[in-house]
């Protein structure tokens, strides 16, 4: 449908010209910009915040203390993106955790994982699980290895009529089938389980020890407002198995300088090829003429005309706030309003006067460089979700604690530290009309008290804190409902259905409009993959039009 409003016409004389305008200078928007600029297109990125990076930024939150504000750890960043954009040459350096995960239990037992550690630690808990955990990890890794081939390619897209598009998608579907054929029949059965079953069921079938189950179960609820026994939670667990750091698969790490170091390197890469990146430039509306997106109007009233418009914001935000409603088919608009968001996430950064000491493993050590998971069983995680559904937040929440200053002394003054608290479960919207603004500090106190139960003295060591409720994450970063993935990773919002059947090829329902954010395949996490894939699609369309 066409939408040519009178108010946009007077702006035409003031319009700037470029090839591509990208909405949002988060990591995917910057990745898309860099690839397009490398190909010779004129690119302009605009962002409403005063700094680039979206949710992957590093800021000082207490005098002398800096940390990654929202996104907080590295593994899913695609190595091809790192190589193509030469992020190392633009200052990015990632170091591995010296241990991968530490899970303390109230009874004093613990699980510590990482190279050369996992088997011994699991054996102390369960001799049977020691063999099973290696087999299960290999099973996940084998499936992840094959599925990694889907990360940097568009999934098959459904088209209604026969033509060039249907022929292209037929070839795409054939390529998809060829990739899946690399899985054995048994692995294909496991893949079906991972897409449809709950992580809890699969883990209960394989393991007997609660901490071993919790190790994998935590990955099933990260950014997922659900019980580990919810159908489809097994895929979220698999999604987190795709990562690698410095060529080592399944490893997690830290970007020196925080997550902002990733997006700063991306911005430098994009600018080195001529892309413009403008901050403090929020988009008020996408300009649509003759059924085509032809530019944007900024909050200050100025307009930018472009051949192509790419959006890295949440699809629901894009289509309900930025695209004029009259430009969209009613059935599309109705469906996108049902796009499900909400991570159940409460995010904190704290300044520490001293390192924590855990009852289960006192004193300093490599375990303090790891992801410290405070959720000792699947039942604990399930209760946290059930509690949050009814009350708004769980009285015994799930907390992942990272202390990046153990790997990066640039983040805090000598002898002091910073910690990231990734906390679940909290309701994206509180019941009974309550506001997160009225309960933010109360819940923050609870999160710190939860850590203090496992590491007595932690609360007393906190000398400053930054608190972000789901509402704060939405306000500051455009994460609707605090959703870190720009949309739940559920079966009806994955692969060919992300963000909607018929639009999985990064092309929106309007000509000239593209999806380059985490709301497109392959989904959330700091990957750069949606930005990479969208750039390929835009370039293909550009070459088809202009040769």
Protein backbone atom coordinates (compact mmCIF):
# COMPACT_ATOMS: atom_id res chain seq x y z
CA UNK A 1 0.00 0.00 0.00
CA UNK A 2 1.12 3.53 -0.61
CA UNK A 3 1.46 6.08 2.11
CA UNK A 4 2.47 9.56 1.00
CA UNK A 5 1.59 12.04 3.73
CA UNK A 6 1.50 15.75 3.09
CA UNK A 7 3.86 16.46 5.95
CA UNK A 8 6.72 14.58 4.30
CA UNK A 9 6.51 16.43 0.99
CA UNK A 10 7.76 19.83 2.29
CA UNK A 11 10.85 18.06 3.56
CA UNK A 12 11.94 16.91 0.13
CA UNK A 13 13.99 20.01 -0.56
CA UNK A 14 15.92 19.41 2.67
CA UNK A 15 16.52 15.71 2.07
CA UNK A 16 19.99 14.26 2.11
CA UNK A 17 20.81 11.50 -0.34
CA UNK A 18 22.50 8.18 0.41
CA UNK A 19 22.27 4.60 -0.77
CA UNK A 20 21.37 2.99 2.55
CA UNK A 21 20.07 4.41 5.79
CA UNK A 22 20.40 2.05 8.78
CA UNK A 23 18.27 2.57 11.88
CA UNK A 24 20.21 1.69 15.01
CA UNK A 25 23.96 1.69 15.68
CA UNK A 26 23.95 -1.53 17.66
CA UNK A 27 26.33 -4.31 16.73
CA UNK A 28 24.12 -5.63 13.92
CA UNK A 29 23.47 -2.22 12.42
CA UNK A 30 27.18 -1.47 12.44
CA UNK A 31 28.01 -4.87 10.94
CA UNK A 32 25.52 -4.32 8.14
CA UNK A 33 26.93 -0.84 7.54
CA UNK A 34 30.51 -2.09 7.38
CA UNK A 35 29.74 -4.79 4.80
CA UNK A 36 27.71 -2.41 2.63
CA UNK A 37 30.36 0.30 2.79
CA UNK A 38 33.05 -2.26 1.93
CA UNK A 39 31.03 -3.05 -1.20
CA UNK A 40 31.08 0.59 -2.24
CA UNK A 41 27.61 1.76 -1.20
CA UNK A 42 27.04 5.06 0.52
CA UNK A 43 25.81 4.24 4.03
CA UNK A 44 24.50 6.31 6.89
CA UNK A 45 23.70 4.88 10.34
CA UNK A 46 21.51 6.84 12.75
CA UNK A 47 20.90 6.13 16.42
CA UNK A 48 18.84 7.92 19.05
CA UNK A 49 21.44 7.37 21.80
CA UNK A 50 24.47 9.59 22.28
CA UNK A 51 26.89 6.67 21.89
CA UNK A 52 27.18 3.87 19.36
CA UNK A 53 26.81 0.25 20.34
CA UNK A 54 23.17 -0.28 21.25
CA UNK A 55 23.06 -2.75 24.15
CA UNK A 56 26.75 -3.65 23.66
CA UNK A 57 28.35 -0.62 25.32
CA UNK A 58 30.83 0.06 28.10
CA UNK A 59 30.15 2.98 30.42
CA UNK A 60 31.36 4.34 33.73
CA UNK A 61 28.54 3.64 36.21
CA UNK A 62 30.37 4.63 39.42
CA UNK A 63 33.40 6.95 39.72
CA UNK A 64 36.40 4.95 38.50
CA UNK A 65 34.36 1.84 37.62
CA UNK A 66 33.39 0.87 34.06
CA UNK A 67 31.50 -2.16 32.83
CA UNK A 68 29.46 -3.58 30.00
CA UNK A 69 26.07 -2.04 30.64
CA UNK A 70 23.64 -4.57 29.14
CA UNK A 71 25.24 -7.29 26.97
CA UNK A 72 28.01 -8.64 29.15
CA UNK A 73 29.95 -11.62 27.74
CA UNK A 74 31.36 -12.92 24.45
CA UNK A 75 30.99 -16.22 22.63
CA UNK A 76 28.37 -15.94 19.91
CA UNK A 77 30.20 -13.19 17.95
CA UNK A 78 30.61 -14.81 14.55
CA UNK A 79 34.27 -15.45 13.65
CA UNK A 80 33.62 -14.68 9.98
CA UNK A 81 32.38 -11.22 10.94
CA UNK A 82 35.45 -10.71 13.12
CA UNK A 83 37.69 -11.68 10.18
CA UNK A 84 35.87 -9.80 7.42
CA UNK A 85 35.64 -6.57 9.37
CA UNK A 86 39.23 -6.97 10.65
CA UNK A 87 38.03 -6.17 14.14
CA UNK A 88 41.39 -7.13 15.62
CA UNK A 89 43.06 -4.43 13.53
CA UNK A 90 40.45 -1.99 14.85
CA UNK A 91 41.37 -2.71 18.46
CA UNK A 92 39.28 -5.70 19.50
CA UNK A 93 40.93 -8.25 21.79
CA UNK A 94 39.03 -11.09 23.42
CA UNK A 95 40.42 -13.19 26.26
CA UNK A 96 39.05 -16.54 27.40
CA UNK A 97 37.74 -17.20 30.86
CA UNK A 98 40.26 -19.28 32.82
CA UNK A 99 37.34 -21.47 33.91
CA UNK A 100 34.05 -21.62 32.06
CA UNK A 101 31.31 -21.99 34.69
CA UNK A 102 31.10 -22.28 38.47
CA UNK A 103 27.91 -23.53 40.13
CA UNK A 104 27.94 -23.54 43.95
CA UNK A 105 25.24 -25.36 45.92
CA UNK A 106 23.85 -24.48 49.37
CA UNK A 107 25.19 -27.78 50.78
CA UNK A 108 28.79 -26.76 50.00
CA UNK A 109 29.22 -28.85 46.86
CA UNK A 110 30.07 -27.22 43.56
CA UNK A 111 30.64 -27.80 39.87
CA UNK A 112 33.55 -26.13 38.04
CA UNK A 113 33.83 -26.54 34.28
CA UNK A 114 36.42 -25.75 31.65
CA UNK A 115 39.25 -27.37 29.78
CA UNK A 116 40.82 -30.03 31.98
CA UNK A 117 38.33 -29.39 34.79
CA UNK A 118 34.87 -30.63 33.86
CA UNK A 119 35.28 -34.39 34.13
CA UNK A 120 37.04 -34.31 37.50
CA UNK A 121 34.47 -31.91 38.93
CA UNK A 122 31.48 -33.89 37.64
CA UNK A 123 33.01 -37.17 38.88
CA UNK A 124 33.07 -35.76 42.41
CA UNK A 125 29.31 -35.28 42.12
CA UNK A 126 28.31 -38.32 40.09
CA UNK A 127 30.52 -40.97 38.50
CA UNK A 128 27.69 -41.91 36.13
CA UNK A 129 27.23 -38.32 34.99
CA UNK A 130 30.94 -37.94 34.27
CA UNK A 131 30.65 -40.21 31.23
CA UNK A 132 27.23 -38.90 30.22
CA UNK A 133 28.20 -35.23 30.32
CA UNK A 134 30.96 -35.77 27.77
CA UNK A 135 28.65 -37.71 25.46
CA UNK A 136 25.90 -35.07 25.75
CA UNK A 137 28.35 -32.24 25.13
CA UNK A 138 29.65 -34.03 22.02
CA UNK A 139 26.06 -34.54 20.84
CA UNK A 140 25.26 -30.83 21.21
CA UNK A 141 28.56 -29.86 19.58
CA UNK A 142 28.01 -32.13 16.57
CA UNK A 143 24.56 -30.68 15.96
CA UNK A 144 25.79 -27.14 16.58
CA UNK A 145 28.61 -27.70 14.08
CA UNK A 146 26.09 -28.44 11.34
CA UNK A 147 23.67 -25.70 12.36
CA UNK A 148 26.51 -23.13 12.36
CA UNK A 149 26.32 -23.39 8.57
CA UNK A 150 22.85 -21.85 8.74
CA UNK A 151 23.97 -18.85 10.77
CA UNK A 152 25.41 -16.82 7.87
CA UNK A 153 22.74 -17.67 5.31
CA UNK A 154 19.09 -16.79 4.97
CA UNK A 155 16.67 -19.58 5.86
CA UNK A 156 14.19 -20.79 3.22
CA UNK A 157 11.55 -18.11 2.73
CA UNK A 158 7.95 -18.91 1.84
CA UNK A 159 6.64 -17.13 -1.27
CA UNK A 160 3.09 -17.26 -2.61
CA UNK A 161 3.49 -17.02 -6.37
CA UNK A 162 5.79 -18.59 -8.94
CA UNK A 163 8.62 -16.41 -10.22
CA UNK A 164 12.25 -15.51 -9.64
CA UNK A 165 11.67 -15.40 -5.90
CA UNK A 166 10.18 -18.89 -5.75
CA UNK A 167 13.01 -20.29 -7.88
CA UNK A 168 15.59 -18.67 -5.60
CA UNK A 169 13.89 -20.11 -2.53
CA UNK A 170 13.69 -23.58 -4.10
CA UNK A 171 17.49 -23.53 -4.46
CA UNK A 172 17.77 -22.22 -0.90
CA UNK A 173 15.58 -25.06 0.40
CA UNK A 174 17.69 -27.58 -1.48
CA UNK A 175 20.83 -26.14 0.08
CA UNK A 176 19.22 -26.37 3.51
CA UNK A 177 18.37 -30.02 2.93
CA UNK A 178 21.93 -30.76 1.84
CA UNK A 179 23.27 -29.27 5.06
CA UNK A 180 20.84 -31.24 7.22
CA UNK A 181 21.81 -34.44 5.41
CA UNK A 182 25.20 -34.13 7.11
CA UNK A 183 23.45 -35.13 10.32
CA UNK A 184 22.99 -38.84 10.96
CA UNK A 185 19.45 -40.10 11.44
CA UNK A 186 20.05 -40.30 15.18
CA UNK A 187 21.32 -36.71 15.21
CA UNK A 188 18.27 -35.59 13.23
CA UNK A 189 16.08 -37.18 15.89
CA UNK A 190 18.03 -35.30 18.55
CA UNK A 191 17.63 -32.10 16.56
CA UNK A 192 13.86 -32.59 16.49
CA UNK A 193 13.93 -33.04 20.27
CA UNK A 194 15.98 -29.89 20.70
CA UNK A 195 13.53 -27.84 18.65
CA UNK A 196 10.38 -29.12 20.30
CA UNK A 197 11.03 -30.51 23.78
CA UNK A 198 11.89 -28.94 27.10
CA UNK A 199 15.46 -28.83 28.28
CA UNK A 200 14.33 -30.13 31.66
CA UNK A 201 12.90 -33.33 30.23
CA UNK A 202 16.00 -34.03 28.16
CA UNK A 203 18.35 -33.33 31.07
CA UNK A 204 16.35 -35.41 33.56
CA UNK A 205 16.60 -38.34 31.14
CA UNK A 206 20.39 -38.08 30.93
CA UNK A 207 21.70 -36.92 34.31
CA UNK A 208 21.18 -37.60 37.99
CA UNK A 209 23.01 -34.72 39.69
CA UNK A 210 21.19 -31.40 40.11
CA UNK A 211 24.24 -29.19 39.46
CA UNK A 212 25.06 -31.01 36.23
CA UNK A 213 21.49 -30.54 35.05
CA UNK A 214 21.61 -26.89 36.11
CA UNK A 215 24.78 -26.31 34.08
CA UNK A 216 22.91 -27.01 30.83
CA UNK A 217 19.52 -25.87 32.10
CA UNK A 218 20.74 -22.36 32.73
CA UNK A 219 21.47 -21.94 29.01
CA UNK A 220 17.84 -22.90 28.35
CA UNK A 221 16.47 -19.95 30.32
CA UNK A 222 19.04 -17.25 29.55
CA UNK A 223 16.96 -14.39 28.20
CA UNK A 224 13.99 -16.74 28.11
CA UNK A 225 11.08 -15.95 30.46
CA UNK A 226 10.16 -19.59 30.88
CA UNK A 227 10.69 -22.65 32.99
CA UNK A 228 13.41 -25.09 31.90
CA UNK A 229 10.47 -27.49 31.57
CA UNK A 230 8.75 -25.32 28.96
CA UNK A 231 8.45 -26.85 25.49
CA UNK A 232 11.05 -25.34 23.18
CA UNK A 233 13.47 -24.39 25.96
CA UNK A 234 15.86 -27.05 24.67
CA UNK A 235 16.42 -24.95 21.53
CA UNK A 236 17.48 -21.95 23.63
CA UNK A 237 20.00 -24.29 25.27
CA UNK A 238 21.27 -25.30 21.81
CA UNK A 239 21.40 -21.66 20.65
CA UNK A 240 24.01 -20.97 23.32
CA UNK A 241 26.13 -23.89 22.12
CA UNK A 242 26.91 -22.13 18.81
CA UNK A 243 29.62 -19.94 20.27
CA UNK A 244 33.39 -19.90 20.11
CA UNK A 245 36.22 -17.63 21.21
CA UNK A 246 39.56 -17.33 19.45
CA UNK A 247 38.83 -20.47 17.42
CA UNK A 248 37.82 -22.59 20.42
CA UNK A 249 34.25 -23.86 20.19
CA UNK A 250 31.96 -23.72 23.18
CA UNK A 251 34.22 -21.26 24.99
CA UNK A 252 33.14 -17.95 26.55
CA UNK A 253 35.31 -14.88 26.96
CA UNK A 254 35.64 -11.20 27.70
CA UNK A 255 36.33 -8.30 25.36
CA UNK A 256 39.11 -6.17 26.84
CA UNK A 257 37.46 -2.85 27.58
CA UNK A 258 34.02 -4.45 27.85
CA UNK A 259 31.36 -5.14 25.24
CA UNK A 260 31.68 -1.59 24.00
CA UNK A 261 35.07 -2.56 22.61
CA UNK A 262 33.27 -4.80 20.09
CA UNK A 263 30.96 -2.10 18.80
CA UNK A 264 33.65 0.57 18.84
CA UNK A 265 35.77 -1.69 16.61
CA UNK A 266 32.78 -2.25 14.35
CA UNK A 267 32.14 1.48 14.11
CA UNK A 268 35.78 2.08 13.20
CA UNK A 269 35.56 -0.64 10.56
CA UNK A 270 32.43 0.89 9.04
CA UNK A 271 33.83 4.42 9.09
CA UNK A 272 37.12 3.26 7.56
CA UNK A 273 35.14 2.30 4.44
CA UNK A 274 33.25 5.59 4.32
CA UNK A 275 30.10 4.85 6.32
CA UNK A 276 28.69 7.73 8.36
CA UNK A 277 27.53 6.99 11.90
CA UNK A 278 25.41 9.68 13.53
CA UNK A 279 24.34 9.56 17.18
CA UNK A 280 21.67 11.58 18.97
CA UNK A 281 19.60 11.07 15.82
CA UNK A 282 16.46 9.14 16.66
CA UNK A 283 14.06 8.13 13.90
CA UNK A 284 10.52 9.43 14.16
CA UNK A 285 9.11 7.75 11.08
CA UNK A 286 10.03 5.83 7.97
CA UNK A 287 8.99 7.64 4.82
CA UNK A 288 6.89 5.49 2.49
CA UNK A 289 5.94 6.48 -1.03
CA UNK A 290 4.28 4.25 -3.60
CA UNK A 291 4.59 1.20 -1.35
CA UNK A 292 8.36 1.67 -0.96
CA UNK A 293 10.49 2.83 1.98
CA UNK A 294 12.48 5.76 0.65
CA UNK A 295 13.99 7.31 3.78
CA UNK A 296 13.44 8.40 7.35
CA UNK A 297 12.34 11.46 9.27
CA UNK A 298 14.46 12.11 12.35
CA UNK A 299 13.19 13.35 15.70
CA UNK A 300 14.51 16.83 14.88
CA UNK A 301 12.33 16.95 11.76
CA UNK A 302 15.10 16.53 9.20
CA UNK A 303 14.79 13.82 6.58
CA UNK A 304 17.19 11.48 4.85
CA UNK A 305 16.29 9.90 1.53
CA UNK A 306 17.85 6.57 0.59
CA UNK A 307 17.47 3.78 -1.93
CA UNK A 308 17.21 1.26 0.93
CA UNK A 309 16.22 1.43 4.59
CA UNK A 310 17.51 -1.23 7.00
CA UNK A 311 16.29 -1.54 10.57
CA UNK A 312 18.15 -3.20 13.44
CA UNK A 313 15.43 -2.45 15.99
CA UNK A 314 12.90 -4.92 17.36
CA UNK A 315 10.42 -5.86 14.57
CA UNK A 316 7.42 -4.99 16.74
CA UNK A 317 8.87 -1.58 17.50
CA UNK A 318 9.66 -1.04 13.82
CA UNK A 319 6.19 -1.81 12.52
CA UNK A 320 4.06 -0.40 15.31
CA UNK A 321 5.99 2.82 15.97
CA UNK A 322 8.11 3.76 12.97
CA UNK A 323 6.23 2.59 9.86
CA UNK A 324 3.00 4.50 9.13
CA UNK A 325 0.17 2.06 9.85
CA UNK A 326 -1.55 2.82 6.56
CA UNK A 327 1.48 1.52 4.70
CA UNK A 328 1.04 -2.03 6.01
CA UNK A 329 -1.45 -4.74 5.14
CA UNK A 330 -3.87 -5.10 8.11
CA UNK A 331 -3.16 -8.82 8.48
CA UNK A 332 0.61 -8.18 8.66
CA UNK A 333 0.19 -5.44 11.24
CA UNK A 334 -2.16 -7.58 13.32
CA UNK A 335 0.30 -10.46 13.37
CA UNK A 336 3.40 -8.38 14.15
CA UNK A 337 1.62 -6.85 17.14
CA UNK A 338 1.58 -10.39 18.57
CA UNK A 339 5.37 -10.71 18.24
CA UNK A 340 6.30 -12.12 21.64
CA UNK A 341 8.88 -10.28 23.72
CA UNK A 342 10.06 -10.50 27.28
CA UNK A 343 13.28 -12.02 28.61
CA UNK A 344 12.50 -12.04 32.31
CA UNK A 345 15.77 -10.14 32.74
CA UNK A 346 16.92 -7.76 35.48
CA UNK A 347 20.41 -6.40 34.85
CA UNK A 348 22.85 -4.95 37.38
CA UNK A 349 26.44 -3.74 37.48
CA UNK A 350 28.15 -3.35 40.84
CA UNK A 351 31.38 -1.79 42.02
CA UNK A 352 33.15 -3.99 44.57
CA UNK A 353 35.68 -3.11 47.22
CA UNK A 354 36.87 -6.73 47.29
CA UNK A 355 36.41 -10.01 45.47
CA UNK A 356 33.65 -12.30 46.76
CA UNK A 357 34.50 -15.50 48.62
CA UNK A 358 32.08 -18.38 48.08
CA UNK A 359 31.26 -20.79 50.88
CA UNK A 360 31.54 -23.73 48.49
CA UNK A 361 34.99 -22.65 47.23
CA UNK A 362 36.48 -19.91 49.43
CA UNK A 363 39.09 -17.39 48.41
CA UNK A 364 40.43 -16.29 45.03
CA UNK A 365 40.88 -18.60 42.08
CA UNK A 366 40.08 -19.24 38.45
CA UNK A 367 36.43 -19.86 39.32
CA UNK A 368 36.07 -16.09 39.81
CA UNK A 369 36.86 -15.54 36.11
CA UNK A 370 34.00 -17.81 35.08
CA UNK A 371 30.27 -17.44 34.65
CA UNK A 372 29.08 -18.02 38.22
CA UNK A 373 25.59 -19.53 38.09
CA UNK A 374 23.51 -19.22 41.24
CA UNK A 375 20.71 -21.67 40.46
CA UNK A 376 21.57 -25.06 41.89
CA UNK A 377 18.82 -27.14 40.27
CA UNK A 378 16.19 -27.25 37.55
CA UNK A 379 13.55 -27.22 40.27
CA UNK A 380 15.05 -23.96 41.60
CA UNK A 381 14.81 -22.42 38.11
CA UNK A 382 11.24 -23.65 37.67
CA UNK A 383 10.18 -22.16 41.02
CA UNK A 384 11.81 -18.86 40.10
CA UNK A 385 9.72 -18.67 36.94
CA UNK A 386 6.49 -19.74 38.63
CA UNK A 387 7.06 -17.18 41.38
CA UNK A 388 7.77 -14.36 38.91
CA UNK A 389 4.62 -15.14 36.93
CA UNK A 390 2.48 -14.63 40.01
CA UNK A 391 4.34 -11.97 41.98
CA UNK A 392 6.30 -10.09 39.35
CA UNK A 393 9.69 -11.32 40.51
CA UNK A 394 11.03 -14.48 42.09
CA UNK A 395 11.85 -14.48 45.78
CA UNK A 396 14.73 -16.87 45.03
CA UNK A 397 15.98 -15.56 41.69
CA UNK A 398 18.45 -17.03 39.23
CA UNK A 399 21.64 -14.96 39.08
CA UNK A 400 24.64 -15.27 36.81
CA UNK A 401 27.57 -13.34 38.25
CA UNK A 402 30.60 -12.35 36.18
CA UNK A 403 33.60 -10.43 37.49
CA UNK A 404 35.27 -9.18 34.29
CA UNK A 405 37.88 -7.18 36.19
CA UNK A 406 39.55 -10.51 37.05
CA UNK A 407 40.48 -10.65 33.35
CA UNK A 408 40.62 -6.93 32.55
CA UNK A 409 42.18 -4.55 35.06
CA UNK A 410 41.18 -1.51 33.01
CA UNK A 411 37.62 -1.65 34.38
CA UNK A 412 38.25 -0.80 38.04
CA UNK A 413 40.80 0.90 40.32
CA UNK A 414 43.67 -1.27 41.60
CA UNK A 415 42.53 -3.80 44.18
CA UNK A 416 38.87 -3.24 43.38
CA UNK A 417 36.48 -4.94 40.95
CA UNK A 418 33.32 -4.73 38.90
CA UNK A 419 30.71 -7.44 38.60
CA UNK A 420 27.87 -8.05 36.17
CA UNK A 421 24.67 -9.57 37.55
CA UNK A 422 22.37 -11.10 34.96
CA UNK A 423 19.25 -11.84 36.99
CA UNK A 424 16.14 -13.89 36.29
CA UNK A 425 13.21 -14.30 36.65
CA UNK A 426 11.28 -11.06 36.67
CA UNK A 427 8.09 -10.29 34.78
CA UNK A 428 8.51 -7.89 31.85
CA UNK A 429 5.38 -6.14 33.12
CA UNK A 430 4.41 -6.25 36.77
CA UNK A 431 0.92 -7.45 37.74
CA UNK A 432 -1.87 -5.27 39.14
CA UNK A 433 -0.66 -2.14 37.37
CA UNK A 434 2.53 -1.89 39.41
CA UNK A 435 5.48 -0.02 37.93
CA UNK A 436 9.08 -1.18 37.82
CA UNK A 437 10.04 2.38 38.77
CA UNK A 438 8.54 1.77 42.21
CA UNK A 439 10.13 -1.64 42.79
CA UNK A 440 13.51 -1.41 41.05
CA UNK A 441 15.61 -0.84 44.18
CA UNK A 442 13.71 -3.41 46.23
CA UNK A 443 14.44 -6.09 43.65
CA UNK A 444 18.06 -4.93 43.31
CA UNK A 445 18.50 -5.45 47.05
CA UNK A 446 17.09 -8.96 46.65
CA UNK A 447 19.55 -9.80 43.87
CA UNK A 448 22.52 -8.71 45.97
CA UNK A 449 21.17 -10.61 48.97
CA UNK A 450 20.88 -13.71 46.77
CA UNK A 451 24.58 -13.53 45.92
CA UNK A 452 25.38 -12.90 49.57
CA UNK A 453 23.77 -16.25 50.52
CA UNK A 454 26.37 -18.06 48.44
CA UNK A 455 29.22 -15.61 49.14
CA UNK A 456 28.78 -14.05 52.61
CA UNK A 457 30.16 -10.52 52.71
CA UNK A 458 29.33 -9.78 49.09
CA UNK A 459 26.64 -7.23 50.01
CA UNK A 460 29.04 -5.39 52.33
CA UNK A 461 31.63 -5.16 49.53
CA UNK A 462 29.27 -3.31 47.16
CA UNK A 463 30.25 0.37 46.95
CA UNK A 464 28.17 1.37 43.94
CA UNK A 465 25.58 -0.10 41.62
CA UNK A 466 23.70 0.41 38.37
CA UNK A 467 20.23 -1.12 38.16
CA UNK A 468 18.26 -1.83 34.99
CA UNK A 469 14.77 -3.29 35.23
CA UNK A 470 12.98 -4.62 32.13
CA UNK A 471 11.39 -1.19 31.78
CA UNK A 472 14.81 0.50 31.97
CA UNK A 473 16.19 -1.86 29.31
CA UNK A 474 13.28 -0.92 27.06
CA UNK A 475 13.67 2.81 27.63
CA UNK A 476 17.43 2.92 27.20
CA UNK A 477 18.04 0.32 24.51
CA UNK A 478 14.71 -0.28 22.80
CA UNK A 479 14.57 -3.83 24.21
CA UNK A 480 10.81 -4.23 24.37
CA UNK A 481 9.85 -5.91 27.62
CA UNK A 482 13.57 -6.05 28.39
CA UNK A 483 13.91 -8.72 25.69
CA UNK A 484 17.62 -9.17 24.97
CA UNK A 485 16.86 -11.23 21.84
CA UNK A 486 14.46 -8.75 20.12
CA UNK A 487 11.82 -11.49 20.28
CA UNK A 488 11.49 -14.85 22.00
CA UNK A 489 13.40 -17.76 20.49
CA UNK A 490 10.26 -19.91 20.29
CA UNK A 491 9.47 -22.30 17.46
CA UNK A 492 6.98 -19.87 15.88
CA UNK A 493 9.62 -17.11 15.91
CA UNK A 494 12.64 -19.00 14.58
CA UNK A 495 14.31 -19.74 11.26
CA UNK A 496 11.80 -19.25 8.41
CA UNK A 497 9.34 -17.69 10.86
CA UNK A 498 11.71 -14.95 12.08
CA UNK A 499 10.26 -12.38 12.11
CA UNK A 500 7.37 -13.85 10.11
CA UNK A 501 6.74 -16.47 7.45
CA UNK A 502 7.26 -14.77 4.10
CA UNK A 503 9.83 -12.32 5.47
CA UNK A 504 12.68 -14.56 6.62
CA UNK A 505 14.90 -13.33 3.76
CA UNK A 506 15.59 -10.00 5.55
CA UNK A 507 13.15 -8.21 3.22
CA UNK A 508 10.22 -6.46 4.88
CA UNK A 509 6.68 -6.19 3.49
CA UNK A 510 7.56 -2.83 1.90
CA UNK A 511 9.98 -2.64 -1.00
CA UNK A 512 13.29 -1.15 0.03
CA UNK A 513 12.84 -2.06 3.72
CA UNK A 514 15.11 -4.67 5.33
CA UNK A 515 15.59 -6.34 8.72
CA UNK A 516 19.19 -6.39 9.96
CA UNK A 517 18.72 -6.85 13.71
CA UNK A 518 18.31 -9.72 16.16
CA UNK A 519 14.62 -9.97 15.29
CA UNK A 520 15.80 -11.64 12.06
CA UNK A 521 17.49 -15.03 11.66
CA UNK A 522 19.48 -16.40 13.45
CA UNK A 523 18.20 -14.42 16.42
CA UNK A 524 19.65 -12.81 19.49
CA UNK A 525 23.01 -12.56 21.14
CA UNK A 526 25.99 -10.45 20.08
CA UNK A 527 26.60 -12.33 16.82
CA UNK A 528 26.71 -9.84 13.94
CA UNK A 529 25.06 -12.54 11.81
CA UNK A 530 21.75 -10.77 11.05
CA UNK A 531 23.69 -7.66 10.00
CA UNK A 532 25.96 -9.73 7.77
CA UNK A 533 23.05 -11.59 6.15
CA UNK A 534 20.95 -8.48 5.60
CA UNK A 535 23.87 -6.75 3.90
CA UNK A 536 24.17 -9.68 1.49
CA UNK A 537 20.48 -9.41 0.65
CA UNK A 538 20.65 -5.66 0.11
CA UNK A 539 23.69 -6.04 -2.14
CA UNK A 540 21.97 -8.78 -4.15
CA UNK A 541 18.94 -6.55 -4.70
CA UNK A 542 21.14 -3.58 -5.55
CA UNK A 543 23.06 -5.56 -8.15
CA UNK A 544 19.82 -6.85 -9.64
CA UNK A 545 18.56 -3.29 -10.03
CA UNK A 546 21.73 -1.52 -11.05
CA UNK A 547 24.06 -4.25 -12.31
